[in-house]
Amino acid sequence: MRIRWGLRRVTLVAAVLLFSLMMTLPIVAQQRQARPAGPAQPTPRRADGTVNLGSTEPNKGFFSGRQHWGYEEVLKDPKEGIPYQPWAKALRESWNTFARKITSG
């Protein structure tokens, strides 16, 4: 009987501690963070005035506004092609066949 009460107390204490921890983490996360000193840097722009979403420094970052449908154009060695697994190659072929049917009319 004493063992049950002791186990219940331990379980209750563990539950209360866990609940307290779960409630304090969101509160800590909402504290204001230190802001950097000085004003924010302006948005980088090109010569024509449009926003530069690309790299402002050489070899730093990359942005491509389009999705690659065929990755052959971005491969380092395009002669070998994409190294598909057999199931992925079959899936791509079925997609290409379906796409040809749709576009051909």
Foldseek 3Di string as FASTA:
>chain_A
DVVVVVVVVVVVVVVVVVVVVVVVVVVVVPDDDDDDPDDDDDFDADPVGHGDPADPDPPPGGDDPDDDPACLVVDPDSVVGDPDDVVVVVVNVVVVVVVCVVVVD
